[in-house]
Amino acid sequence: MPRLAMLSCWNHYHARSFARDLAELPEAEIVALWDEEAPRGAAFAREFATEFEPDLEALLARPDIDGVILDCAPEHAAGLISSAAEAGKHVLADQVLALTTKDALTVAETIERAGIAFAIDMSLKRWPINLAAKQLVEAGTIGGITSVRIRNAHDGALGDGWPYRFRESAHGVFADLGAHCLYLARWLLGRPAAVTAIVSRYSGGGIAEDNAACILEYANGAIALCDASHVACRSPFSVELYGTRGSYLAGGATGEHRKLLKPGDGTFRLLTDEGSGASPLPKEAGTPSIRQWLKAMQGEAVPLFGVNEGIDLAQMLEALYLSARTGQKVYFDRLES
C-alpha cells in the first residue's frame, strides 16, 4: 500500500479535496504532513488524523513514505517538487510545476534524473463538458476553431473568510482558477503565439490579482479568451468553442462554483450546419489524476498529465504575468530567446 505525505496545506481547499479523494482509495494512506507554518500544519494533521512533521528534510528522508502531494503557494512549487524528487519520492503536484520556463525546465531535469512518477492534477480535463470540447476539436465537428472562451470564477475574495495569505501571494487568480483556463486552452488549441493580459485587485488590499483576463493569439488566426475571478458571485464555469461550421457552448447548470463531474451537472448547446445532433458529452468523467498517479507509482503504464504539461503552463503563466506587468503583448518565441 503506497504511504503518502502531504507537503503544505497552503491551499486548504485543495488539500481537503485530496484528503477526501484518498479516503475513498483503500490502496493508499496519508501517514504524515508538513507545512510551512507549524500551527496550520498541526491543525491539518489533526483534521486528517495523521502525524505532523515540522522538519521537511526529516520527512523527505523517511523510508516509509513513498510519495508526496503538494498544495503549496505557486511560488514554492518548483523548490518543493525538486526537493521531493531528489529524495526519491513520487510527486503529485496541484496544477503548477513552476512559474517560469527556466525553472520548469530545471525541475523537469531533476524529475527525470530521479526516475520518479510525477503527475500534475489538471482536474478540469476530466469534466465531461471539457472532454466533449476536446473531442469536438479533434473530430472537426464544428470545423476549424476560430475562437475559444473559458471562464472560471467564484466569490472567495469577497468574503471575510478569504485567507490573508492568498492576498499577499505574489500570484493570484491566474495561478489558481485561471490556471485551469490556461491549460484547457493549451489542451484545445495548442501552443499560442502571443498573449495580452490584464489583472486587477477589485477587492482591495494585498498584492495578488483577484480579477484577470488574457487573450491568446495563435499562428493560424484563432484566438482564445481566458478570464478568471475571485470576486464574482454566482458565476458558473463556462467553455465556448466557435468554429467555421458550428459552435459549442457549455458550462455549469447553476451559478455554483462546483465540480462538474457528471454530464447532468452541466448544460450544453451544440450548433452545427446539420443541426444540434446527439449529445457530445461522455457518460462519465475521466479518471482522477490521483488514481493514475498511484498506478504509475506501482509500475503500471498509465497516461499522466506531467512534466510536459507543467512546462507548457509555466511558459503561459510567465508570459501573461510579464504582459500584465508591462502592459504589452508578449510573444512566446521572444520569451524563449
C-alpha atoms as a PDB file:
ATOM      1  CA  MET A   1       0.000   0.000   0.000  1.00  0.00           C
ATOM      2  CA  PRO A   2       1.520   3.390  -1.008  1.00  0.00           C
ATOM      3  CA  ARG A   3       2.206   5.585   2.003  1.00  0.00           C
ATOM      4  CA  LEU A   4       1.887   9.280   1.287  1.00  0.00           C
ATOM      5  CA  ALA A   5       2.695  12.625   2.861  1.00  0.00           C
ATOM      6  CA  MET A   6       1.053  15.990   2.306  1.00  0.00           C
ATOM      7  CA  LEU A   7       3.526  18.799   1.600  1.00  0.00           C
ATOM      8  CA  SER A   8       1.868  22.072   2.628  1.00  0.00           C
ATOM      9  CA  CYS A   9      -1.807  22.848   3.101  1.00  0.00           C
ATOM     10  CA  TRP A  10      -1.362  26.426   1.868  1.00  0.00           C
ATOM     11  CA  ASN A  11      -4.331  25.891  -0.458  1.00  0.00           C
ATOM     12  CA  HIS A  12      -6.544  24.314   2.160  1.00  0.00           C
ATOM     13  CA  TYR A  13      -9.437  23.846  -0.265  1.00  0.00           C
ATOM     14  CA  HIS A  14      -7.388  21.574  -2.494  1.00  0.00           C
ATOM     15  CA  ALA A  15      -5.669  19.837   0.421  1.00  0.00           C
ATOM     16  CA  ARG A  16      -9.057  18.829   1.806  1.00  0.00           C
ATOM     17  CA  SER A  17     -10.157  17.702  -1.654  1.00  0.00           C
ATOM     18  CA  PHE A  18      -7.144  15.394  -1.971  1.00  0.00           C
ATOM     19  CA  ALA A  19      -7.761  14.059   1.538  1.00  0.00           C
ATOM     20  CA  ARG A  20     -11.364  13.255   0.602  1.00  0.00           C
ATOM     21  CA  ASP A  21     -10.223  11.518  -2.572  1.00  0.00           C
ATOM     22  CA  LEU A  22      -7.699   9.427  -0.641  1.00  0.00           C
ATOM     23  CA  ALA A  23     -10.329   8.432   1.914  1.00  0.00           C
ATOM     24  CA  GLU A  24     -12.107   6.648  -0.954  1.00  0.00           C
ATOM     25  CA  LEU A  25      -8.932   4.812  -2.015  1.00  0.00           C
ATOM     26  CA  PRO A  26      -8.158   1.966   0.366  1.00  0.00           C
ATOM     27  CA  GLU A  27      -4.963   1.220  -1.555  1.00  0.00           C
ATOM     28  CA  ALA A  28      -3.216   4.350  -0.179  1.00  0.00           C
ATOM     29  CA  GLU A  29      -2.973   6.317   3.053  1.00  0.00           C
ATOM     30  CA  ILE A  30      -1.659   9.638   4.365  1.00  0.00           C
ATOM     31  CA  VAL A  31       0.928   8.929   7.051  1.00  0.00           C
ATOM     32  CA  ALA A  32       2.460  12.375   7.610  1.00  0.00           C
ATOM     33  CA  LEU A  33       2.031  16.059   6.862  1.00  0.00           C
ATOM     34  CA  TRP A  34       4.404  19.018   6.657  1.00  0.00           C
ATOM     35  CA  ASP A  35       3.513  22.691   6.353  1.00  0.00           C
ATOM     36  CA  GLU A  36       5.495  25.930   6.219  1.00  0.00           C
ATOM     37  CA  GLU A  37       3.532  27.175   9.232  1.00  0.00           C
ATOM     38  CA  ALA A  38       3.667  24.751  12.151  1.00  0.00           C
ATOM     39  CA  PRO A  39       0.323  25.724  13.743  1.00  0.00           C
ATOM     40  CA  ARG A  40      -1.504  25.303  10.431  1.00  0.00           C
ATOM     41  CA  GLY A  41       0.254  22.018   9.737  1.00  0.00           C
ATOM     42  CA  ALA A  42      -0.526  20.636  13.176  1.00  0.00           C
ATOM     43  CA  ALA A  43      -4.191  21.606  12.787  1.00  0.00           C
ATOM     44  CA  PHE A  44      -4.482  19.864   9.426  1.00  0.00           C
ATOM     45  CA  ALA A  45      -2.661  16.810  10.723  1.00  0.00           C
ATOM     46  CA  ARG A  46      -5.306  16.516  13.440  1.00  0.00           C
ATOM     47  CA  GLU A  47      -8.076  17.009  10.872  1.00  0.00           C
ATOM     48  CA  PHE A  48      -6.624  14.329   8.578  1.00  0.00           C
ATOM     49  CA  ALA A  49      -5.816  12.028  11.529  1.00  0.00           C
ATOM     50  CA  THR A  50      -2.165  11.804  10.617  1.00  0.00           C
ATOM     51  CA  GLU A  51       1.254  12.744  12.008  1.00  0.00           C
ATOM     52  CA  PHE A  52       2.601  16.283  11.783  1.00  0.00           C
ATOM     53  CA  GLU A  53       6.285  16.538  10.894  1.00  0.00           C
ATOM     54  CA  PRO A  54       7.663  20.108  11.285  1.00  0.00           C
ATOM     55  CA  ASP A  55      11.006  19.248   9.642  1.00  0.00           C
ATOM     56  CA  LEU A  56      10.753  18.949   5.843  1.00  0.00           C
ATOM     57  CA  GLU A  57      14.177  17.362   5.474  1.00  0.00           C
ATOM     58  CA  ALA A  58      13.316  14.751   8.087  1.00  0.00           C
ATOM     59  CA  LEU A  59      10.020  13.953   6.384  1.00  0.00           C
ATOM     60  CA  LEU A  60      11.626  13.511   2.967  1.00  0.00           C
ATOM     61  CA  ALA A  61      14.292  11.256   4.482  1.00  0.00           C
ATOM     62  CA  ARG A  62      11.747   8.814   5.852  1.00  0.00           C
ATOM     63  CA  PRO A  63      11.947   5.431   4.072  1.00  0.00           C
ATOM     64  CA  ASP A  64       8.315   4.625   4.937  1.00  0.00           C
ATOM     65  CA  ILE A  65       6.992   7.447   2.713  1.00  0.00           C
ATOM     66  CA  ASP A  66       6.597   6.570  -0.963  1.00  0.00           C
ATOM     67  CA  GLY A  67       5.129   9.741  -2.399  1.00  0.00           C
ATOM     68  CA  VAL A  68       4.016  13.277  -1.624  1.00  0.00           C
ATOM     69  CA  ILE A  69       1.097  15.506  -2.612  1.00  0.00           C
ATOM     70  CA  LEU A  70       1.785  19.249  -2.894  1.00  0.00           C
ATOM     71  CA  ASP A  71      -0.702  22.026  -2.113  1.00  0.00           C
ATOM     72  CA  CYS A  72       1.749  24.873  -1.648  1.00  0.00           C
ATOM     73  CA  ALA A  73       1.851  28.504  -2.765  1.00  0.00           C
ATOM     74  CA  PRO A  74       2.607  28.647  -6.523  1.00  0.00           C
ATOM     75  CA  GLU A  75       5.971  30.331  -5.954  1.00  0.00           C
ATOM     76  CA  HIS A  76       7.129  27.429  -3.765  1.00  0.00           C
ATOM     77  CA  ALA A  77       6.096  24.610  -6.111  1.00  0.00           C
ATOM     78  CA  ALA A  78       9.362  24.307  -8.064  1.00  0.00           C
ATOM     79  CA  GLY A  79      11.508  24.093  -4.942  1.00  0.00           C
ATOM     80  CA  LEU A  80       9.337  21.572  -3.136  1.00  0.00           C
ATOM     81  CA  ILE A  81       8.935  19.344  -6.189  1.00  0.00           C
ATOM     82  CA  SER A  82      12.703  19.326  -6.704  1.00  0.00           C
ATOM     83  CA  SER A  83      13.374  18.522  -3.048  1.00  0.00           C
ATOM     84  CA  ALA A  84      10.888  15.661  -3.071  1.00  0.00           C
ATOM     85  CA  ALA A  85      12.227  14.249  -6.351  1.00  0.00           C
ATOM     86  CA  GLU A  86      15.826  14.412  -5.129  1.00  0.00           C
ATOM     87  CA  ALA A  87      14.714  12.444  -2.067  1.00  0.00           C
ATOM     88  CA  GLY A  88      13.287   9.757  -4.362  1.00  0.00           C
ATOM     89  CA  LYS A  89       9.643  10.475  -3.557  1.00  0.00           C
ATOM     90  CA  HIS A  90       6.943  10.235  -6.198  1.00  0.00           C
ATOM     91  CA  VAL A  91       5.123  13.559  -6.610  1.00  0.00           C
ATOM     92  CA  LEU A  92       1.584  14.686  -7.358  1.00  0.00           C
ATOM     93  CA  ALA A  93       1.505  18.476  -7.755  1.00  0.00           C
ATOM     94  CA  ASP A  94      -1.517  20.734  -7.688  1.00  0.00           C
ATOM     95  CA  GLN A  95      -1.634  22.416 -11.129  1.00  0.00           C
ATOM     96  CA  VAL A  96       1.680  24.322 -11.073  1.00  0.00           C
ATOM     97  CA  LEU A  97       5.137  22.880 -11.774  1.00  0.00           C
ATOM     98  CA  ALA A  98       6.873  26.274 -11.789  1.00  0.00           C
ATOM     99  CA  LEU A  99       6.159  29.887 -12.673  1.00  0.00           C
ATOM    100  CA  THR A 100       8.851  30.418 -15.325  1.00  0.00           C
ATOM    101  CA  THR A 101      10.013  28.318 -18.240  1.00  0.00           C
ATOM    102  CA  LYS A 102      13.587  28.275 -16.943  1.00  0.00           C
ATOM    103  CA  ASP A 103      12.542  26.966 -13.528  1.00  0.00           C
ATOM    104  CA  ALA A 104      10.176  24.427 -15.096  1.00  0.00           C
ATOM    105  CA  LEU A 105      12.961  23.003 -17.270  1.00  0.00           C
ATOM    106  CA  THR A 106      15.276  22.767 -14.259  1.00  0.00           C
ATOM    107  CA  VAL A 107      12.644  20.914 -12.235  1.00  0.00           C
ATOM    108  CA  ALA A 108      11.941  18.657 -15.211  1.00  0.00           C
ATOM    109  CA  GLU A 109      15.613  17.632 -15.325  1.00  0.00           C
ATOM    110  CA  THR A 110      15.517  16.825 -11.608  1.00  0.00           C
ATOM    111  CA  ILE A 111      12.416  14.682 -12.051  1.00  0.00           C
ATOM    112  CA  GLU A 112      13.966  12.814 -14.991  1.00  0.00           C
ATOM    113  CA  ARG A 113      17.169  12.095 -13.076  1.00  0.00           C
ATOM    114  CA  ALA A 114      15.215  10.861 -10.078  1.00  0.00           C
ATOM    115  CA  GLY A 115      13.098   8.491 -12.166  1.00  0.00           C
ATOM    116  CA  ILE A 116      10.007   9.131 -10.061  1.00  0.00           C
ATOM    117  CA  ALA A 117       6.342   9.003 -11.038  1.00  0.00           C
ATOM    118  CA  PHE A 118       5.352  12.645 -11.438  1.00  0.00           C
ATOM    119  CA  ALA A 119       1.872  13.960 -12.171  1.00  0.00           C
ATOM    120  CA  ILE A 120       0.070  17.287 -12.142  1.00  0.00           C
ATOM    121  CA  ASP A 121      -3.564  17.445 -11.129  1.00  0.00           C
ATOM    122  CA  MET A 122      -5.226  19.231 -14.045  1.00  0.00           C
ATOM    123  CA  SER A 123      -8.640  18.264 -12.788  1.00  0.00           C
ATOM    124  CA  LEU A 124     -10.827  20.156 -15.259  1.00  0.00           C
ATOM    125  CA  LYS A 125      -9.557  17.994 -18.113  1.00  0.00           C
ATOM    126  CA  ARG A 126     -11.705  15.197 -16.725  1.00  0.00           C
ATOM    127  CA  TRP A 127     -15.001  17.114 -16.628  1.00  0.00           C
ATOM    128  CA  PRO A 128     -17.466  15.747 -19.227  1.00  0.00           C
ATOM    129  CA  ILE A 129     -18.159  19.163 -20.759  1.00  0.00           C
ATOM    130  CA  ASN A 130     -14.423  19.740 -21.308  1.00  0.00           C
ATOM    131  CA  LEU A 131     -13.823  16.211 -22.573  1.00  0.00           C
ATOM    132  CA  ALA A 132     -16.596  16.872 -25.089  1.00  0.00           C
ATOM    133  CA  ALA A 133     -14.892  20.109 -26.151  1.00  0.00           C
ATOM    134  CA  LYS A 134     -11.642  18.239 -26.760  1.00  0.00           C
ATOM    135  CA  GLN A 135     -13.383  15.509 -28.750  1.00  0.00           C
ATOM    136  CA  LEU A 136     -15.237  18.058 -30.893  1.00  0.00           C
ATOM    137  CA  VAL A 137     -11.986  19.840 -31.723  1.00  0.00           C
ATOM    138  CA  GLU A 138     -10.199  16.609 -32.620  1.00  0.00           C
ATOM    139  CA  ALA A 139     -13.104  15.331 -34.708  1.00  0.00           C
ATOM    140  CA  GLY A 140     -13.535  18.620 -36.560  1.00  0.00           C
ATOM    141  CA  THR A 141     -17.261  18.536 -35.787  1.00  0.00           C
ATOM    142  CA  ILE A 142     -17.612  22.322 -35.825  1.00  0.00           C
ATOM    143  CA  GLY A 143     -14.883  22.870 -38.410  1.00  0.00           C
ATOM    144  CA  GLY A 144     -11.730  24.858 -37.817  1.00  0.00           C
ATOM    145  CA  ILE A 145     -11.758  26.560 -34.423  1.00  0.00           C
ATOM    146  CA  THR A 146     -11.683  30.338 -34.770  1.00  0.00           C
ATOM    147  CA  SER A 147     -12.160  31.332 -31.136  1.00  0.00           C
ATOM    148  CA  VAL A 148     -12.446  29.872 -27.636  1.00  0.00           C
ATOM    149  CA  ARG A 149     -13.676  31.403 -24.400  1.00  0.00           C
ATOM    150  CA  ILE A 150     -13.127  29.839 -20.972  1.00  0.00           C
ATOM    151  CA  ARG A 151     -14.275  31.422 -17.712  1.00  0.00           C
ATOM    152  CA  ASN A 152     -13.668  30.183 -14.173  1.00  0.00           C
ATOM    153  CA  ALA A 153     -14.694  32.281 -11.185  1.00  0.00           C
ATOM    154  CA  HIS A 154     -16.021  32.378  -7.639  1.00  0.00           C
ATOM    155  CA  ASP A 155     -16.539  34.963  -4.901  1.00  0.00           C
ATOM    156  CA  GLY A 156     -13.831  33.860  -2.452  1.00  0.00           C
ATOM    157  CA  ALA A 157     -12.138  37.252  -2.142  1.00  0.00           C
ATOM    158  CA  LEU A 158     -15.456  38.991  -1.385  1.00  0.00           C
ATOM    159  CA  GLY A 159     -15.991  37.202   1.929  1.00  0.00           C
ATOM    160  CA  ASP A 160     -14.380  37.709   5.326  1.00  0.00           C
ATOM    161  CA  GLY A 161     -13.088  34.133   5.308  1.00  0.00           C
ATOM    162  CA  TRP A 162     -10.592  34.625   2.459  1.00  0.00           C
ATOM    163  CA  PRO A 163      -7.175  33.768   3.940  1.00  0.00           C
ATOM    164  CA  TYR A 164      -4.812  36.730   4.088  1.00  0.00           C
ATOM    165  CA  ARG A 165      -2.006  34.583   2.664  1.00  0.00           C
ATOM    166  CA  PHE A 166      -3.939  34.406  -0.622  1.00  0.00           C
ATOM    167  CA  ARG A 167      -3.988  38.215  -0.853  1.00  0.00           C
ATOM    168  CA  GLU A 168      -0.303  38.510  -0.001  1.00  0.00           C
ATOM    169  CA  SER A 169       0.900  35.906  -2.502  1.00  0.00           C
ATOM    170  CA  ALA A 170       2.845  37.241  -5.463  1.00  0.00           C
ATOM    171  CA  HIS A 171       0.490  35.324  -7.755  1.00  0.00           C
ATOM    172  CA  GLY A 172      -3.288  35.436  -7.533  1.00  0.00           C
ATOM    173  CA  VAL A 173      -6.261  34.227  -9.504  1.00  0.00           C
ATOM    174  CA  PHE A 174      -4.313  33.438 -12.688  1.00  0.00           C
ATOM    175  CA  ALA A 175      -2.172  30.896 -10.844  1.00  0.00           C
ATOM    176  CA  ASP A 176      -5.333  29.448  -9.267  1.00  0.00           C
ATOM    177  CA  LEU A 177      -8.652  29.440 -11.105  1.00  0.00           C
ATOM    178  CA  GLY A 178      -7.042  30.978 -14.162  1.00  0.00           C
ATOM    179  CA  ALA A 179      -4.506  28.166 -14.439  1.00  0.00           C
ATOM    180  CA  HIS A 180      -7.397  25.849 -15.286  1.00  0.00           C
ATOM    181  CA  CYS A 181      -8.403  28.174 -18.135  1.00  0.00           C
ATOM    182  CA  LEU A 182      -4.840  28.311 -19.434  1.00  0.00           C
ATOM    183  CA  TYR A 183      -4.148  24.592 -19.504  1.00  0.00           C
ATOM    184  CA  LEU A 184      -7.546  23.936 -21.077  1.00  0.00           C
ATOM    185  CA  ALA A 185      -6.853  26.472 -23.832  1.00  0.00           C
ATOM    186  CA  ARG A 186      -3.432  24.898 -24.458  1.00  0.00           C
ATOM    187  CA  TRP A 187      -5.055  21.431 -24.488  1.00  0.00           C
ATOM    188  CA  LEU A 188      -7.682  22.521 -27.012  1.00  0.00           C
ATOM    189  CA  LEU A 189      -5.709  24.780 -29.357  1.00  0.00           C
ATOM    190  CA  GLY A 190      -2.043  24.027 -28.741  1.00  0.00           C
ATOM    191  CA  ARG A 191       0.777  26.497 -28.242  1.00  0.00           C
ATOM    192  CA  PRO A 192      -0.209  30.153 -28.687  1.00  0.00           C
ATOM    193  CA  ALA A 193       1.939  32.678 -30.496  1.00  0.00           C
ATOM    194  CA  ALA A 194       1.320  35.617 -28.160  1.00  0.00           C
ATOM    195  CA  VAL A 195      -0.611  36.743 -25.094  1.00  0.00           C
ATOM    196  CA  THR A 196      -2.020  40.036 -23.872  1.00  0.00           C
ATOM    197  CA  ALA A 197      -3.126  40.112 -20.238  1.00  0.00           C
ATOM    198  CA  ILE A 198      -4.714  42.449 -17.733  1.00  0.00           C
ATOM    199  CA  VAL A 199      -5.052  41.954 -13.977  1.00  0.00           C
ATOM    200  CA  SER A 200      -6.761  43.963 -11.248  1.00  0.00           C
ATOM    201  CA  ARG A 201      -7.317  43.969  -7.490  1.00  0.00           C
ATOM    202  CA  TYR A 202     -11.015  44.663  -7.165  1.00  0.00           C
ATOM    203  CA  SER A 203     -11.349  43.607  -3.525  1.00  0.00           C
ATOM    204  CA  GLY A 204      -8.522  45.926  -2.418  1.00  0.00           C
ATOM    205  CA  GLY A 205      -5.581  45.149  -0.176  1.00  0.00           C
ATOM    206  CA  GLY A 206      -2.805  42.687  -0.782  1.00  0.00           C
ATOM    207  CA  ILE A 207      -0.698  42.277  -3.891  1.00  0.00           C
ATOM    208  CA  ALA A 208      -2.323  39.277  -5.614  1.00  0.00           C
ATOM    209  CA  GLU A 209      -4.655  39.875  -8.533  1.00  0.00           C
ATOM    210  CA  ASP A 210      -8.278  38.826  -7.947  1.00  0.00           C
ATOM    211  CA  ASN A 211      -9.810  39.706 -11.327  1.00  0.00           C
ATOM    212  CA  ALA A 212      -7.999  38.971 -14.579  1.00  0.00           C
ATOM    213  CA  ALA A 213      -8.264  38.153 -18.267  1.00  0.00           C
ATOM    214  CA  CYS A 214      -5.964  37.383 -21.163  1.00  0.00           C
ATOM    215  CA  ILE A 215      -6.216  36.973 -24.909  1.00  0.00           C
ATOM    216  CA  LEU A 216      -4.170  34.229 -26.525  1.00  0.00           C
ATOM    217  CA  GLU A 217      -3.328  34.602 -30.214  1.00  0.00           C
ATOM    218  CA  TYR A 218      -2.500  31.644 -32.453  1.00  0.00           C
ATOM    219  CA  ALA A 219      -0.458  31.472 -35.617  1.00  0.00           C
ATOM    220  CA  ASN A 220      -3.454  30.343 -37.693  1.00  0.00           C
ATOM    221  CA  GLY A 221      -5.533  33.370 -36.657  1.00  0.00           C
ATOM    222  CA  ALA A 222      -7.527  31.722 -33.866  1.00  0.00           C
ATOM    223  CA  ILE A 223      -7.889  33.489 -30.531  1.00  0.00           C
ATOM    224  CA  ALA A 224      -8.761  32.351 -27.011  1.00  0.00           C
ATOM    225  CA  LEU A 225     -10.105  34.469 -24.175  1.00  0.00           C
ATOM    226  CA  CYS A 226      -9.376  33.202 -20.663  1.00  0.00           C
ATOM    227  CA  ASP A 227     -10.901  35.081 -17.760  1.00  0.00           C
ATOM    228  CA  ALA A 228     -10.871  34.271 -14.085  1.00  0.00           C
ATOM    229  CA  SER A 229     -12.050  35.951 -10.924  1.00  0.00           C
ATOM    230  CA  HIS A 230     -12.124  35.643  -7.141  1.00  0.00           C
ATOM    231  CA  VAL A 231     -14.734  38.436  -6.959  1.00  0.00           C
ATOM    232  CA  ALA A 232     -17.691  37.081  -8.951  1.00  0.00           C
ATOM    233  CA  CYS A 233     -20.794  35.866  -7.139  1.00  0.00           C
ATOM    234  CA  ARG A 234     -22.845  33.037  -8.653  1.00  0.00           C
ATOM    235  CA  SER A 235     -20.638  32.732 -11.725  1.00  0.00           C
ATOM    236  CA  PRO A 236     -20.816  29.291 -13.369  1.00  0.00           C
ATOM    237  CA  PHE A 237     -17.852  27.804 -15.201  1.00  0.00           C
ATOM    238  CA  SER A 238     -18.162  28.127 -18.969  1.00  0.00           C
ATOM    239  CA  VAL A 239     -16.368  26.877 -22.065  1.00  0.00           C
ATOM    240  CA  GLU A 240     -17.257  28.061 -25.564  1.00  0.00           C
ATOM    241  CA  LEU A 241     -15.895  26.948 -28.926  1.00  0.00           C
ATOM    242  CA  TYR A 242     -16.653  28.788 -32.153  1.00  0.00           C
ATOM    243  CA  GLY A 243     -15.760  27.195 -35.456  1.00  0.00           C
ATOM    244  CA  THR A 244     -16.201  27.508 -39.198  1.00  0.00           C
ATOM    245  CA  ARG A 245     -19.125  25.045 -39.204  1.00  0.00           C
ATOM    246  CA  GLY A 246     -20.712  25.495 -35.799  1.00  0.00           C
ATOM    247  CA  SER A 247     -20.396  26.295 -32.114  1.00  0.00           C
ATOM    248  CA  TYR A 248     -20.297  24.537 -28.753  1.00  0.00           C
ATOM    249  CA  LEU A 249     -21.346  26.347 -25.585  1.00  0.00           C
ATOM    250  CA  ALA A 250     -21.239  24.573 -22.247  1.00  0.00           C
ATOM    251  CA  GLY A 251     -20.990  25.330 -18.561  1.00  0.00           C
ATOM    252  CA  GLY A 252     -22.363  24.820 -15.099  1.00  0.00           C
ATOM    253  CA  ALA A 253     -26.092  24.277 -14.764  1.00  0.00           C
ATOM    254  CA  THR A 254     -26.272  26.714 -11.825  1.00  0.00           C
ATOM    255  CA  GLY A 255     -24.327  29.675 -10.509  1.00  0.00           C
ATOM    256  CA  GLU A 256     -22.499  27.484  -8.026  1.00  0.00           C
ATOM    257  CA  HIS A 257     -18.748  27.180  -8.369  1.00  0.00           C
ATOM    258  CA  ARG A 258     -18.539  23.409  -8.181  1.00  0.00           C
ATOM    259  CA  LYS A 259     -17.084  20.298  -9.709  1.00  0.00           C
ATOM    260  CA  LEU A 260     -18.891  19.279 -12.905  1.00  0.00           C
ATOM    261  CA  LEU A 261     -18.114  15.578 -12.774  1.00  0.00           C
ATOM    262  CA  LYS A 262     -21.422  14.283 -14.137  1.00  0.00           C
ATOM    263  CA  PRO A 263     -22.958  15.083 -17.503  1.00  0.00           C
ATOM    264  CA  GLY A 264     -26.077  16.232 -15.646  1.00  0.00           C
ATOM    265  CA  ASP A 265     -24.105  18.834 -13.686  1.00  0.00           C
ATOM    266  CA  GLY A 266     -23.667  20.989 -16.773  1.00  0.00           C
ATOM    267  CA  THR A 267     -25.579  22.357 -19.720  1.00  0.00           C
ATOM    268  CA  PHE A 268     -24.515  22.474 -23.351  1.00  0.00           C
ATOM    269  CA  ARG A 269     -25.561  23.587 -26.801  1.00  0.00           C
ATOM    270  CA  LEU A 270     -24.025  22.126 -29.923  1.00  0.00           C
ATOM    271  CA  LEU A 271     -24.937  24.104 -33.032  1.00  0.00           C
ATOM    272  CA  THR A 272     -23.796  22.864 -36.436  1.00  0.00           C
ATOM    273  CA  ASP A 273     -24.812  23.147 -40.079  1.00  0.00           C
ATOM    274  CA  GLU A 274     -26.514  19.771 -39.683  1.00  0.00           C
ATOM    275  CA  GLY A 275     -28.480  20.800 -36.597  1.00  0.00           C
ATOM    276  CA  SER A 276     -27.929  20.186 -32.894  1.00  0.00           C
ATOM    277  CA  GLY A 277     -27.405  16.403 -33.184  1.00  0.00           C
ATOM    278  CA  ALA A 278     -26.796  13.960 -30.363  1.00  0.00           C
ATOM    279  CA  SER A 279     -25.228  14.873 -27.043  1.00  0.00           C
ATOM    280  CA  PRO A 280     -21.435  15.083 -27.307  1.00  0.00           C
ATOM    281  CA  LEU A 281     -20.973  14.556 -23.569  1.00  0.00           C
ATOM    282  CA  PRO A 282     -19.273  11.346 -22.409  1.00  0.00           C
ATOM    283  CA  LYS A 283     -21.267   9.254 -19.949  1.00  0.00           C
ATOM    284  CA  GLU A 284     -18.658   9.567 -17.208  1.00  0.00           C
ATOM    285  CA  ALA A 285     -15.898  11.870 -16.085  1.00  0.00           C
ATOM    286  CA  GLY A 286     -12.293  10.992 -16.831  1.00  0.00           C
ATOM    287  CA  THR A 287     -10.113   9.108 -14.352  1.00  0.00           C
ATOM    288  CA  PRO A 288      -8.864  11.243 -11.423  1.00  0.00           C
ATOM    289  CA  SER A 289      -5.180  12.184 -11.584  1.00  0.00           C
ATOM    290  CA  ILE A 290      -4.565  10.735  -8.153  1.00  0.00           C
ATOM    291  CA  ARG A 291      -5.737   7.276  -9.248  1.00  0.00           C
ATOM    292  CA  GLN A 292      -3.477   7.330 -12.312  1.00  0.00           C
ATOM    293  CA  TRP A 293      -0.564   8.556 -10.247  1.00  0.00           C
ATOM    294  CA  LEU A 294      -0.961   5.769  -7.688  1.00  0.00           C
ATOM    295  CA  LYS A 295      -0.963   3.227 -10.501  1.00  0.00           C
ATOM    296  CA  ALA A 296       2.162   4.775 -12.011  1.00  0.00           C
ATOM    297  CA  MET A 297       3.870   4.638  -8.610  1.00  0.00           C
ATOM    298  CA  GLN A 298       3.359   0.878  -8.661  1.00  0.00           C
ATOM    299  CA  GLY A 299       4.833   0.466 -12.108  1.00  0.00           C
ATOM    300  CA  GLU A 300       1.735   0.486 -14.300  1.00  0.00           C
ATOM    301  CA  ALA A 301       1.946   2.216 -17.670  1.00  0.00           C
ATOM    302  CA  VAL A 302      -0.840   4.787 -17.460  1.00  0.00           C
ATOM    303  CA  PRO A 303      -1.371   8.199 -19.096  1.00  0.00           C
ATOM    304  CA  LEU A 304      -0.482  11.116 -16.834  1.00  0.00           C
ATOM    305  CA  PHE A 305      -0.571  14.876 -17.097  1.00  0.00           C
ATOM    306  CA  GLY A 306       3.008  15.520 -16.092  1.00  0.00           C
ATOM    307  CA  VAL A 307       6.232  17.325 -16.882  1.00  0.00           C
ATOM    308  CA  ASN A 308       5.390  18.460 -20.412  1.00  0.00           C
ATOM    309  CA  GLU A 309       2.056  19.929 -19.354  1.00  0.00           C
ATOM    310  CA  GLY A 310       3.771  21.593 -16.404  1.00  0.00           C
ATOM    311  CA  ILE A 311       6.343  23.250 -18.659  1.00  0.00           C
ATOM    312  CA  ASP A 312       3.593  24.451 -21.001  1.00  0.00           C
ATOM    313  CA  LEU A 313       1.643  26.020 -18.124  1.00  0.00           C
ATOM    314  CA  ALA A 314       4.763  27.625 -16.657  1.00  0.00           C
ATOM    315  CA  GLN A 315       5.502  29.250 -20.010  1.00  0.00           C
ATOM    316  CA  MET A 316       1.956  30.608 -20.248  1.00  0.00           C
ATOM    317  CA  LEU A 317       1.983  31.958 -16.691  1.00  0.00           C
ATOM    318  CA  GLU A 318       5.367  33.621 -17.209  1.00  0.00           C
ATOM    319  CA  ALA A 319       4.196  35.259 -20.423  1.00  0.00           C
ATOM    320  CA  LEU A 320       0.884  36.560 -19.139  1.00  0.00           C
ATOM    321  CA  TYR A 321       2.335  37.947 -15.908  1.00  0.00           C
ATOM    322  CA  LEU A 322       5.004  39.710 -17.977  1.00  0.00           C
ATOM    323  CA  SER A 323       2.272  41.125 -20.214  1.00  0.00           C
ATOM    324  CA  ALA A 324       0.227  42.287 -17.229  1.00  0.00           C
ATOM    325  CA  ARG A 325       3.269  43.883 -15.622  1.00  0.00           C
ATOM    326  CA  THR A 326       4.467  45.720 -18.745  1.00  0.00           C
ATOM    327  CA  GLY A 327       1.133  46.432 -20.419  1.00  0.00           C
ATOM    328  CA  GLN A 328       2.455  44.909 -23.636  1.00  0.00           C
ATOM    329  CA  LYS A 329       1.759  41.896 -25.813  1.00  0.00           C
ATOM    330  CA  VAL A 330       4.252  39.094 -25.159  1.00  0.00           C
ATOM    331  CA  TYR A 331       5.363  36.751 -27.958  1.00  0.00           C
ATOM    332  CA  PHE A 332       6.256  33.261 -26.841  1.00  0.00           C
ATOM    333  CA  ASP A 333       9.169  32.797 -29.243  1.00  0.00           C
ATOM    334  CA  ARG A 334      10.758  36.030 -27.988  1.00  0.00           C
ATOM    335  CA  LEU A 335      10.259  34.900 -24.401  1.00  0.00           C
ATOM    336  CA  GLU A 336      12.328  31.801 -25.117  1.00  0.00           C
ATOM    337  CA  SER A 337      15.216  33.679 -26.775  1.00  0.00           C
END
